[in-house]
């Protein structure tokens, strides 16, 4: 589940989220549903919307339980006009849901969320020194596709290490057995 958290205006954030596929074309927000039906936003049931765009001001008013419900009930979420403290609250909310949280960021304001996340990813070229120090991983080329490549390489290395350790253990047992017999029986 990809959640976009940005300091941009909600309209800009929603347009970017649609352009990159965070909010799919067929998904509607509460505002979209109210516009389509010609009714006020307050009349629309928030659970009818698959996508959700939350303003930082609205997030400030939410309790942790309300945030948990929002994260649970919507599959496509965008948080706009968020402060660094609110980014941290969102990360904690996702972790309460049992999610493994990866955060990408490039500025000083992203560093608390990068630190709190399970995996913090900073931009190597555009990123600030503070965000790089807070992150677990630094993208040297500022390309998100590098994360996928890195995960694939990491899995390959892990598989090869398992095979190497299994081979080493199975080949050492026949070598160690005669030596242990010598120690136990004290015969050459």
N, C-alpha and C. Protein backbone atom coordinates (compact mmCIF):
# COMPACT_ATOMS: atom_id res chain seq x y z
N UNK A 1 0.86 -1.17 0.00
CA UNK A 1 0.00 0.00 0.00
C UNK A 1 0.90 1.23 0.00
N UNK A 2 0.72 2.08 -0.97
CA UNK A 2 1.53 3.30 -1.09
C UNK A 2 0.70 4.48 -0.62
N UNK A 3 1.26 5.24 0.31
CA UNK A 3 0.61 6.44 0.83
C UNK A 3 1.52 7.62 0.52
N UNK A 4 0.95 8.66 -0.05
CA UNK A 4 1.72 9.86 -0.38
C UNK A 4 1.54 10.88 0.74
N UNK A 5 2.66 11.37 1.26
CA UNK A 5 2.64 12.39 2.30
C UNK A 5 3.50 13.55 1.80
N UNK A 6 2.89 14.72 1.68
CA UNK A 6 3.60 15.85 1.08
C UNK A 6 3.21 17.16 1.75
N UNK A 7 4.02 18.14 1.54
CA UNK A 7 3.71 19.49 2.02
C UNK A 7 2.97 20.30 0.99
N UNK A 8 2.73 19.74 -0.19
CA UNK A 8 2.05 20.46 -1.28
C UNK A 8 0.58 20.68 -0.97
N UNK A 9 -0.04 21.55 -1.77
CA UNK A 9 -1.48 21.83 -1.68
C UNK A 9 -2.25 20.56 -2.04
N UNK A 10 -3.42 20.33 -1.42
CA UNK A 10 -4.18 19.11 -1.70
C UNK A 10 -4.53 18.89 -3.17
N UNK A 11 -4.86 19.96 -3.90
CA UNK A 11 -5.20 19.80 -5.32
C UNK A 11 -3.98 19.33 -6.11
N UNK A 12 -2.82 19.93 -5.82
CA UNK A 12 -1.58 19.53 -6.47
C UNK A 12 -1.22 18.09 -6.11
N UNK A 13 -1.33 17.77 -4.83
CA UNK A 13 -1.00 16.42 -4.36
C UNK A 13 -1.89 15.37 -5.02
N UNK A 14 -3.19 15.68 -5.13
CA UNK A 14 -4.13 14.74 -5.76
C UNK A 14 -3.79 14.54 -7.23
N UNK A 15 -3.45 15.62 -7.93
CA UNK A 15 -3.10 15.52 -9.36
C UNK A 15 -1.84 14.68 -9.54
N UNK A 16 -0.84 14.90 -8.70
CA UNK A 16 0.40 14.12 -8.79
C UNK A 16 0.12 12.66 -8.46
N UNK A 17 -0.68 12.42 -7.42
CA UNK A 17 -1.01 11.04 -7.04
C UNK A 17 -1.74 10.30 -8.16
N UNK A 18 -2.62 10.99 -8.87
CA UNK A 18 -3.30 10.37 -10.02
C UNK A 18 -2.31 10.11 -11.16
N UNK A 19 -1.40 11.06 -11.38
CA UNK A 19 -0.44 10.93 -12.49
C UNK A 19 0.51 9.75 -12.28
N UNK A 20 0.89 9.49 -11.03
CA UNK A 20 1.85 8.40 -10.77
C UNK A 20 1.17 7.10 -10.36
N UNK A 21 -0.16 7.09 -10.27
CA UNK A 21 -0.89 5.85 -10.01
C UNK A 21 -1.14 5.54 -8.55
N UNK A 22 -0.87 6.47 -7.65
CA UNK A 22 -1.20 6.24 -6.24
C UNK A 22 -2.71 6.25 -6.06
N UNK A 23 -3.38 7.18 -6.76
CA UNK A 23 -4.84 7.17 -6.85
C UNK A 23 -5.18 6.73 -8.27
N UNK A 24 -5.85 5.59 -8.39
CA UNK A 24 -6.17 5.07 -9.72
C UNK A 24 -7.27 5.90 -10.37
N UNK A 25 -7.38 5.76 -11.69
CA UNK A 25 -8.35 6.55 -12.46
C UNK A 25 -9.79 6.28 -12.06
N UNK A 26 -10.10 5.03 -11.71
CA UNK A 26 -11.49 4.69 -11.37
C UNK A 26 -11.85 5.01 -9.92
N UNK A 27 -10.87 5.33 -9.09
CA UNK A 27 -11.13 5.65 -7.68
C UNK A 27 -11.63 7.07 -7.52
N UNK A 28 -12.52 7.23 -6.55
CA UNK A 28 -13.07 8.55 -6.27
C UNK A 28 -12.82 8.92 -4.81
N UNK A 29 -12.59 10.21 -4.59
CA UNK A 29 -12.52 10.74 -3.23
C UNK A 29 -13.92 11.18 -2.82
N UNK A 30 -14.08 11.56 -1.57
CA UNK A 30 -15.37 12.05 -1.08
C UNK A 30 -15.79 13.27 -1.89
N UNK A 31 -14.83 14.13 -2.20
CA UNK A 31 -15.12 15.33 -2.99
C UNK A 31 -15.61 14.97 -4.39
N UNK A 32 -14.97 13.97 -5.00
CA UNK A 32 -15.38 13.53 -6.34
C UNK A 32 -16.82 12.99 -6.33
N UNK A 33 -17.14 12.20 -5.30
CA UNK A 33 -18.48 11.62 -5.20
C UNK A 33 -19.52 12.73 -5.01
N UNK A 34 -19.22 13.70 -4.14
CA UNK A 34 -20.18 14.79 -3.91
C UNK A 34 -20.38 15.62 -5.16
N UNK A 35 -19.31 15.81 -5.92
CA UNK A 35 -19.41 16.57 -7.17
C UNK A 35 -20.24 15.80 -8.21
N UNK A 36 -20.01 14.49 -8.28
CA UNK A 36 -20.74 13.66 -9.25
C UNK A 36 -22.23 13.61 -8.92
N UNK A 37 -22.55 13.50 -7.63
CA UNK A 37 -23.95 13.40 -7.21
C UNK A 37 -24.62 14.76 -7.03
N UNK A 38 -23.82 15.81 -6.99
CA UNK A 38 -24.38 17.15 -6.80
C UNK A 38 -24.90 17.39 -5.39
N UNK A 39 -24.24 16.77 -4.41
CA UNK A 39 -24.64 16.94 -3.01
C UNK A 39 -23.47 17.51 -2.22
N UNK A 40 -23.73 18.09 -1.04
CA UNK A 40 -22.63 18.60 -0.22
C UNK A 40 -21.70 17.46 0.24
N UNK A 41 -20.45 17.80 0.50
CA UNK A 41 -19.45 16.82 0.92
C UNK A 41 -19.87 16.14 2.23
N UNK A 42 -20.53 16.88 3.12
CA UNK A 42 -20.92 16.34 4.42
C UNK A 42 -21.93 15.20 4.31
N UNK A 43 -22.68 15.15 3.21
CA UNK A 43 -23.72 14.13 3.02
C UNK A 43 -23.11 12.79 2.60
N UNK A 44 -21.96 12.82 1.94
CA UNK A 44 -21.33 11.61 1.40
C UNK A 44 -20.70 10.80 2.54
N UNK A 45 -20.95 9.50 2.53
CA UNK A 45 -20.33 8.60 3.50
C UNK A 45 -18.87 8.40 3.11
N UNK A 46 -17.92 8.72 4.01
CA UNK A 46 -16.50 8.57 3.67
C UNK A 46 -16.09 7.15 3.28
N UNK A 47 -16.83 6.16 3.76
CA UNK A 47 -16.50 4.76 3.43
C UNK A 47 -16.82 4.41 1.98
N UNK A 48 -17.63 5.24 1.32
CA UNK A 48 -17.95 5.01 -0.09
C UNK A 48 -16.77 5.35 -1.00
N UNK A 49 -15.86 6.16 -0.51
CA UNK A 49 -14.71 6.59 -1.31
C UNK A 49 -13.54 5.63 -1.10
N UNK A 50 -12.96 5.17 -2.19
CA UNK A 50 -11.79 4.30 -2.10
C UNK A 50 -10.53 5.12 -1.85
N UNK A 51 -10.50 6.32 -2.44
CA UNK A 51 -9.35 7.21 -2.28
C UNK A 51 -9.68 8.30 -1.28
N UNK A 52 -8.64 8.86 -0.70
CA UNK A 52 -8.84 9.90 0.31
C UNK A 52 -7.67 10.89 0.25
N UNK A 53 -7.99 12.18 0.24
CA UNK A 53 -6.98 13.23 0.33
C UNK A 53 -7.23 13.97 1.63
N UNK A 54 -6.25 13.94 2.53
CA UNK A 54 -6.40 14.52 3.86
C UNK A 54 -5.49 15.73 3.99
N UNK A 55 -6.06 16.85 4.39
CA UNK A 55 -5.29 18.08 4.62
C UNK A 55 -4.63 17.99 6.00
N UNK A 56 -3.45 18.56 6.11
CA UNK A 56 -2.74 18.56 7.39
C UNK A 56 -3.54 19.17 8.52
N UNK A 57 -4.35 20.18 8.21
CA UNK A 57 -5.21 20.78 9.22
C UNK A 57 -6.24 19.80 9.76
N UNK A 58 -6.78 18.97 8.87
CA UNK A 58 -7.74 17.94 9.29
C UNK A 58 -7.04 16.84 10.10
N UNK A 59 -5.82 16.53 9.70
CA UNK A 59 -5.05 15.50 10.40
C UNK A 59 -4.74 15.95 11.83
N UNK A 60 -4.52 17.24 12.01
CA UNK A 60 -4.23 17.79 13.33
C UNK A 60 -5.40 17.56 14.29
N UNK A 61 -6.62 17.57 13.75
CA UNK A 61 -7.83 17.40 14.57
C UNK A 61 -8.15 15.93 14.86
N UNK A 62 -7.51 15.01 14.13
CA UNK A 62 -7.84 13.58 14.27
C UNK A 62 -7.21 12.97 15.51
N UNK A 63 -7.96 12.05 16.10
CA UNK A 63 -7.41 11.24 17.19
C UNK A 63 -6.66 10.06 16.57
N UNK A 64 -5.82 9.38 17.33
CA UNK A 64 -5.14 8.19 16.79
C UNK A 64 -6.12 7.13 16.27
N UNK A 65 -7.27 7.00 16.93
CA UNK A 65 -8.27 6.02 16.49
C UNK A 65 -8.86 6.41 15.14
N UNK A 66 -9.11 7.71 14.95
CA UNK A 66 -9.65 8.17 13.67
C UNK A 66 -8.63 7.96 12.55
N UNK A 67 -7.35 8.20 12.85
CA UNK A 67 -6.31 7.96 11.85
C UNK A 67 -6.24 6.48 11.51
N UNK A 68 -6.33 5.63 12.53
CA UNK A 68 -6.32 4.18 12.29
C UNK A 68 -7.48 3.76 11.39
N UNK A 69 -8.67 4.31 11.64
CA UNK A 69 -9.83 4.00 10.80
C UNK A 69 -9.62 4.46 9.37
N UNK A 70 -9.05 5.64 9.21
CA UNK A 70 -8.78 6.17 7.87
C UNK A 70 -7.81 5.26 7.12
N UNK A 71 -6.74 4.85 7.79
CA UNK A 71 -5.74 3.98 7.17
C UNK A 71 -6.33 2.60 6.85
N UNK A 72 -7.24 2.14 7.67
CA UNK A 72 -7.85 0.82 7.48
C UNK A 72 -8.90 0.83 6.37
N UNK A 73 -9.67 1.92 6.26
CA UNK A 73 -10.83 1.94 5.36
C UNK A 73 -10.53 2.43 3.95
N UNK A 74 -9.39 3.05 3.72
CA UNK A 74 -9.07 3.57 2.39
C UNK A 74 -7.80 2.90 1.88
N UNK A 75 -7.84 2.51 0.62
CA UNK A 75 -6.67 1.85 0.03
C UNK A 75 -5.73 2.84 -0.65
N UNK A 76 -6.25 3.98 -1.04
CA UNK A 76 -5.45 4.98 -1.76
C UNK A 76 -5.53 6.29 -0.98
N UNK A 77 -4.43 6.64 -0.31
CA UNK A 77 -4.45 7.79 0.60
C UNK A 77 -3.36 8.78 0.24
N UNK A 78 -3.73 10.06 0.30
CA UNK A 78 -2.78 11.16 0.10
C UNK A 78 -2.94 12.13 1.26
N UNK A 79 -1.84 12.45 1.92
CA UNK A 79 -1.83 13.48 2.96
C UNK A 79 -1.14 14.70 2.38
N UNK A 80 -1.80 15.86 2.45
CA UNK A 80 -1.25 17.09 1.88
C UNK A 80 -1.10 18.16 2.97
N UNK A 81 -0.18 19.10 2.73
CA UNK A 81 0.08 20.20 3.67
C UNK A 81 0.40 19.65 5.07
N UNK A 82 1.28 18.66 5.11
CA UNK A 82 1.63 18.05 6.39
C UNK A 82 2.92 18.65 6.94
N UNK A 83 2.99 18.72 8.25
CA UNK A 83 4.19 19.19 8.94
C UNK A 83 5.08 17.99 9.24
N UNK A 84 6.35 18.22 9.60
CA UNK A 84 7.22 17.10 9.96
C UNK A 84 6.65 16.24 11.11
N UNK A 85 6.01 16.89 12.08
CA UNK A 85 5.42 16.15 13.19
C UNK A 85 4.27 15.27 12.71
N UNK A 86 3.49 15.77 11.76
CA UNK A 86 2.37 14.98 11.23
C UNK A 86 2.88 13.80 10.41
N UNK A 87 3.99 13.98 9.71
CA UNK A 87 4.58 12.85 8.97
C UNK A 87 4.96 11.74 9.94
N UNK A 88 5.49 12.13 11.07
CA UNK A 88 5.86 11.16 12.10
C UNK A 88 4.61 10.45 12.64
N UNK A 89 3.54 11.18 12.85
CA UNK A 89 2.28 10.60 13.33
C UNK A 89 1.72 9.59 12.32
N UNK A 90 1.84 9.91 11.03
CA UNK A 90 1.36 9.00 9.98
C UNK A 90 2.18 7.71 9.98
N UNK A 91 3.50 7.83 10.11
CA UNK A 91 4.36 6.65 10.17
C UNK A 91 3.97 5.78 11.36
N UNK A 92 3.78 6.40 12.52
CA UNK A 92 3.39 5.64 13.71
C UNK A 92 2.03 4.97 13.53
N UNK A 93 1.10 5.67 12.87
CA UNK A 93 -0.22 5.09 12.60
C UNK A 93 -0.13 3.86 11.70
N UNK A 94 0.69 3.94 10.68
CA UNK A 94 0.88 2.78 9.78
C UNK A 94 1.52 1.62 10.53
N UNK A 95 2.47 1.92 11.40
CA UNK A 95 3.12 0.87 12.17
C UNK A 95 2.14 0.23 13.17
N UNK A 96 1.21 1.02 13.70
CA UNK A 96 0.18 0.45 14.59
C UNK A 96 -0.70 -0.54 13.84
N UNK A 97 -0.86 -0.33 12.53
CA UNK A 97 -1.66 -1.23 11.70
C UNK A 97 -0.90 -2.52 11.39
N UNK A 98 0.36 -2.59 11.79
CA UNK A 98 1.17 -3.77 11.53
C UNK A 98 1.93 -3.72 10.22
N UNK A 99 1.97 -2.56 9.59
CA UNK A 99 2.65 -2.43 8.29
C UNK A 99 4.15 -2.24 8.49
N UNK A 100 4.91 -2.73 7.54
CA UNK A 100 6.33 -2.41 7.46
C UNK A 100 6.40 -1.11 6.68
N UNK A 101 6.94 -0.06 7.30
CA UNK A 101 6.87 1.28 6.73
C UNK A 101 8.23 1.69 6.15
N UNK A 102 8.20 2.06 4.88
CA UNK A 102 9.37 2.64 4.22
C UNK A 102 9.02 4.09 3.90
N UNK A 103 9.92 5.00 4.24
CA UNK A 103 9.70 6.43 4.00
C UNK A 103 10.83 6.94 3.12
N UNK A 104 10.47 7.70 2.09
CA UNK A 104 11.48 8.36 1.28
C UNK A 104 11.40 9.86 1.55
N UNK A 105 12.56 10.49 1.56
CA UNK A 105 12.59 11.93 1.81
C UNK A 105 13.92 12.52 1.41
N UNK A 106 13.93 13.84 1.28
CA UNK A 106 15.17 14.50 0.88
C UNK A 106 15.49 15.74 1.71
N UNK A 107 14.58 16.16 2.56
CA UNK A 107 14.80 17.39 3.30
C UNK A 107 14.98 17.17 4.78
N UNK A 108 15.37 18.24 5.46
CA UNK A 108 15.54 18.20 6.91
C UNK A 108 14.21 17.86 7.58
N UNK A 109 13.11 18.37 7.01
CA UNK A 109 11.79 18.12 7.61
C UNK A 109 11.37 16.65 7.51
N UNK A 110 12.00 15.86 6.67
CA UNK A 110 11.67 14.44 6.53
C UNK A 110 12.44 13.56 7.51
N UNK A 111 13.46 14.11 8.15
CA UNK A 111 14.35 13.27 8.95
C UNK A 111 13.68 12.58 10.14
N UNK A 112 12.73 13.21 10.89
CA UNK A 112 12.09 12.43 11.96
C UNK A 112 11.33 11.21 11.45
N UNK A 113 10.62 11.36 10.33
CA UNK A 113 9.88 10.23 9.76
C UNK A 113 10.83 9.18 9.20
N UNK A 114 11.93 9.61 8.59
CA UNK A 114 12.93 8.67 8.08
C UNK A 114 13.50 7.83 9.22
N UNK A 115 13.75 8.47 10.35
CA UNK A 115 14.33 7.79 11.50
C UNK A 115 13.34 6.79 12.11
N UNK A 116 12.07 7.18 12.20
CA UNK A 116 11.04 6.35 12.84
C UNK A 116 10.61 5.16 11.97
N UNK A 117 10.69 5.33 10.66
CA UNK A 117 10.24 4.27 9.74
C UNK A 117 11.10 3.02 9.88
N UNK A 118 10.53 1.90 9.46
CA UNK A 118 11.29 0.65 9.47
C UNK A 118 12.46 0.74 8.49
N UNK A 119 12.22 1.41 7.36
CA UNK A 119 13.26 1.63 6.35
C UNK A 119 13.17 3.08 5.90
N UNK A 120 14.21 3.83 6.16
CA UNK A 120 14.27 5.22 5.72
C UNK A 120 15.14 5.31 4.48
N UNK A 121 14.63 5.94 3.43
CA UNK A 121 15.36 6.05 2.17
C UNK A 121 15.54 7.53 1.84
N UNK A 122 16.79 7.96 1.75
CA UNK A 122 17.09 9.36 1.44
C UNK A 122 17.62 9.47 0.02
N UNK A 123 17.44 10.64 -0.56
CA UNK A 123 17.96 10.91 -1.89
C UNK A 123 19.43 11.31 -1.79
N UNK A 124 20.26 10.70 -2.63
CA UNK A 124 21.70 10.95 -2.56
C UNK A 124 22.14 12.24 -3.19
N UNK A 125 21.51 12.65 -4.28
CA UNK A 125 21.91 13.87 -4.99
C UNK A 125 21.18 15.07 -4.40
N UNK A 126 19.86 14.99 -4.34
CA UNK A 126 19.06 16.14 -3.89
C UNK A 126 18.88 16.18 -2.38
N UNK A 127 19.24 15.11 -1.68
CA UNK A 127 18.97 15.02 -0.25
C UNK A 127 19.90 15.86 0.60
N UNK A 128 19.38 16.32 1.73
CA UNK A 128 20.20 17.07 2.68
C UNK A 128 21.04 16.10 3.51
N UNK A 129 22.09 16.63 4.12
CA UNK A 129 22.96 15.79 4.95
C UNK A 129 22.20 15.21 6.14
N UNK A 130 21.28 15.99 6.70
CA UNK A 130 20.50 15.52 7.85
C UNK A 130 19.63 14.32 7.45
N UNK A 131 18.98 14.41 6.29
CA UNK A 131 18.13 13.29 5.86
C UNK A 131 18.97 12.06 5.54
N UNK A 132 20.16 12.26 4.99
CA UNK A 132 21.03 11.12 4.69
C UNK A 132 21.48 10.42 5.97
N UNK A 133 21.75 11.20 7.01
CA UNK A 133 22.17 10.61 8.28
C UNK A 133 21.03 9.87 8.96
N UNK A 134 19.81 10.34 8.78
CA UNK A 134 18.65 9.70 9.41
C UNK A 134 18.20 8.44 8.68
N UNK A 135 18.58 8.32 7.41
CA UNK A 135 18.09 7.22 6.57
C UNK A 135 18.88 5.94 6.77
N UNK A 136 18.23 4.83 6.44
CA UNK A 136 18.88 3.52 6.44
C UNK A 136 19.52 3.23 5.09
N UNK A 137 18.96 3.82 4.05
CA UNK A 137 19.42 3.60 2.68
C UNK A 137 19.47 4.94 1.95
N UNK A 138 20.50 5.12 1.13
CA UNK A 138 20.63 6.35 0.35
C UNK A 138 20.64 5.98 -1.13
N UNK A 139 19.73 6.59 -1.89
CA UNK A 139 19.67 6.35 -3.34
C UNK A 139 20.69 7.28 -4.00
N UNK A 140 21.78 6.73 -4.45
CA UNK A 140 22.84 7.55 -5.02
C UNK A 140 22.43 8.24 -6.30
N UNK A 141 21.50 7.62 -7.05
CA UNK A 141 21.07 8.21 -8.33
C UNK A 141 19.69 8.87 -8.25
N UNK A 142 19.10 8.95 -7.05
CA UNK A 142 17.77 9.55 -6.84
C UNK A 142 16.69 8.90 -7.70
N UNK A 143 16.84 7.62 -8.00
CA UNK A 143 15.89 6.90 -8.84
C UNK A 143 15.21 5.82 -8.00
N UNK A 144 13.88 5.89 -7.92
CA UNK A 144 13.14 4.93 -7.11
C UNK A 144 13.27 3.50 -7.63
N UNK A 145 13.53 3.34 -8.90
CA UNK A 145 13.72 2.00 -9.47
C UNK A 145 14.94 1.31 -8.84
N UNK A 146 15.86 2.10 -8.32
CA UNK A 146 17.04 1.54 -7.65
C UNK A 146 16.66 0.77 -6.40
N UNK A 147 15.55 1.14 -5.76
CA UNK A 147 15.10 0.42 -4.57
C UNK A 147 14.75 -1.02 -4.95
N UNK A 148 14.02 -1.19 -6.04
CA UNK A 148 13.63 -2.52 -6.50
C UNK A 148 14.87 -3.33 -6.85
N UNK A 149 15.80 -2.71 -7.56
CA UNK A 149 17.04 -3.39 -7.92
C UNK A 149 17.81 -3.80 -6.67
N UNK A 150 17.87 -2.91 -5.69
CA UNK A 150 18.57 -3.20 -4.44
C UNK A 150 17.94 -4.35 -3.68
N UNK A 151 16.62 -4.39 -3.64
CA UNK A 151 15.93 -5.49 -2.95
C UNK A 151 16.19 -6.80 -3.67
N UNK A 152 16.14 -6.79 -5.00
CA UNK A 152 16.41 -8.01 -5.77
C UNK A 152 17.84 -8.50 -5.52
N UNK A 153 18.80 -7.59 -5.54
CA UNK A 153 20.20 -7.98 -5.29
C UNK A 153 20.37 -8.50 -3.87
N UNK A 154 19.71 -7.86 -2.91
CA UNK A 154 19.78 -8.31 -1.52
C UNK A 154 19.23 -9.71 -1.34
N UNK A 155 18.12 -10.01 -2.00
CA UNK A 155 17.53 -11.35 -1.92
C UNK A 155 18.45 -12.38 -2.56
N UNK A 156 19.08 -12.02 -3.66
CA UNK A 156 20.01 -12.93 -4.33
C UNK A 156 21.21 -13.23 -3.42
N UNK A 157 21.76 -12.19 -2.80
CA UNK A 157 22.89 -12.38 -1.89
C UNK A 157 22.48 -13.26 -0.71
N UNK A 158 21.28 -13.02 -0.16
CA UNK A 158 20.80 -13.81 0.97
C UNK A 158 20.66 -15.28 0.59
N UNK A 159 20.09 -15.56 -0.58
CA UNK A 159 19.95 -16.94 -1.05
C UNK A 159 21.31 -17.60 -1.23
N UNK A 160 22.25 -16.87 -1.81
CA UNK A 160 23.60 -17.42 -2.00
C UNK A 160 24.29 -17.69 -0.67
N UNK A 161 24.09 -16.82 0.31
CA UNK A 161 24.68 -17.04 1.63
C UNK A 161 24.10 -18.29 2.28
N UNK A 162 22.79 -18.49 2.16
CA UNK A 162 22.17 -19.70 2.72
C UNK A 162 22.76 -20.95 2.08
N UNK A 163 22.93 -20.93 0.76
CA UNK A 163 23.50 -22.08 0.06
C UNK A 163 24.94 -22.32 0.50
N UNK A 164 25.70 -21.26 0.64
CA UNK A 164 27.10 -21.37 1.04
C UNK A 164 27.23 -21.93 2.45
N UNK A 165 26.40 -21.45 3.36
CA UNK A 165 26.45 -21.94 4.74
C UNK A 165 26.01 -23.40 4.80
N UNK A 166 24.98 -23.76 4.05
CA UNK A 166 24.52 -25.15 4.02
C UNK A 166 25.62 -26.06 3.49
N UNK A 167 26.32 -25.65 2.45
CA UNK A 167 27.41 -26.45 1.89
C UNK A 167 28.54 -26.59 2.90
N UNK A 168 28.90 -25.47 3.53
CA UNK A 168 30.01 -25.49 4.49
C UNK A 168 29.69 -26.42 5.65
N UNK A 169 28.47 -26.34 6.17
CA UNK A 169 28.12 -27.20 7.30
C UNK A 169 28.10 -28.67 6.91
N UNK A 170 27.53 -28.98 5.75
CA UNK A 170 27.46 -30.39 5.35
C UNK A 170 28.83 -30.95 5.00
N UNK A 171 29.73 -30.13 4.51
CA UNK A 171 31.05 -30.65 4.17
C UNK A 171 31.96 -30.72 5.40
N UNK A 172 31.70 -29.91 6.41
CA UNK A 172 32.55 -29.93 7.60
C UNK A 172 32.21 -31.07 8.55
N UNK A 173 30.98 -31.53 8.55
CA UNK A 173 30.59 -32.60 9.47
C UNK A 173 31.41 -33.88 9.21
N UNK A 174 31.56 -34.33 7.96
CA UNK A 174 32.40 -35.52 7.75
C UNK A 174 33.87 -35.28 8.11
N UNK A 175 34.32 -34.06 8.02
CA UNK A 175 35.71 -33.77 8.38
C UNK A 175 35.91 -33.72 9.89
N UNK A 176 34.91 -33.26 10.61
CA UNK A 176 35.03 -33.09 12.05
C UNK A 176 34.79 -34.41 12.79
N UNK A 177 33.98 -35.30 12.23
CA UNK A 177 33.62 -36.55 12.91
C UNK A 177 34.84 -37.39 13.30
N UNK A 178 35.81 -37.66 12.42
CA UNK A 178 36.98 -38.45 12.85
C UNK A 178 37.76 -37.76 13.97
N UNK A 179 37.85 -36.45 13.92
CA UNK A 179 38.59 -35.72 14.95
C UNK A 179 37.88 -35.85 16.31
N UNK A 180 36.55 -35.74 16.30
CA UNK A 180 35.81 -35.90 17.55
C UNK A 180 35.94 -37.32 18.09
N UNK A 181 35.94 -38.30 17.20
CA UNK A 181 36.13 -39.70 17.63
C UNK A 181 37.50 -39.87 18.28
N UNK A 182 38.51 -39.23 17.73
CA UNK A 182 39.86 -39.28 18.29
C UNK A 182 39.87 -38.68 19.69
N UNK A 183 39.20 -37.53 19.85
CA UNK A 183 39.17 -36.88 21.16
C UNK A 183 38.43 -37.73 22.19
N UNK A 184 37.32 -38.33 21.79
CA UNK A 184 36.51 -39.10 22.73
C UNK A 184 37.14 -40.45 23.09
N UNK A 185 37.71 -41.13 22.12
CA UNK A 185 38.25 -42.47 22.37
C UNK A 185 39.74 -42.45 22.64
N UNK A 186 40.39 -41.36 22.35
CA UNK A 186 41.83 -41.18 22.57
C UNK A 186 42.66 -42.23 21.83
N UNK A 187 42.15 -42.62 20.64
CA UNK A 187 42.90 -43.53 19.78
C UNK A 187 43.19 -42.84 18.46
N UNK A 188 44.37 -43.10 17.89
CA UNK A 188 44.71 -42.42 16.63
C UNK A 188 43.96 -42.90 15.43
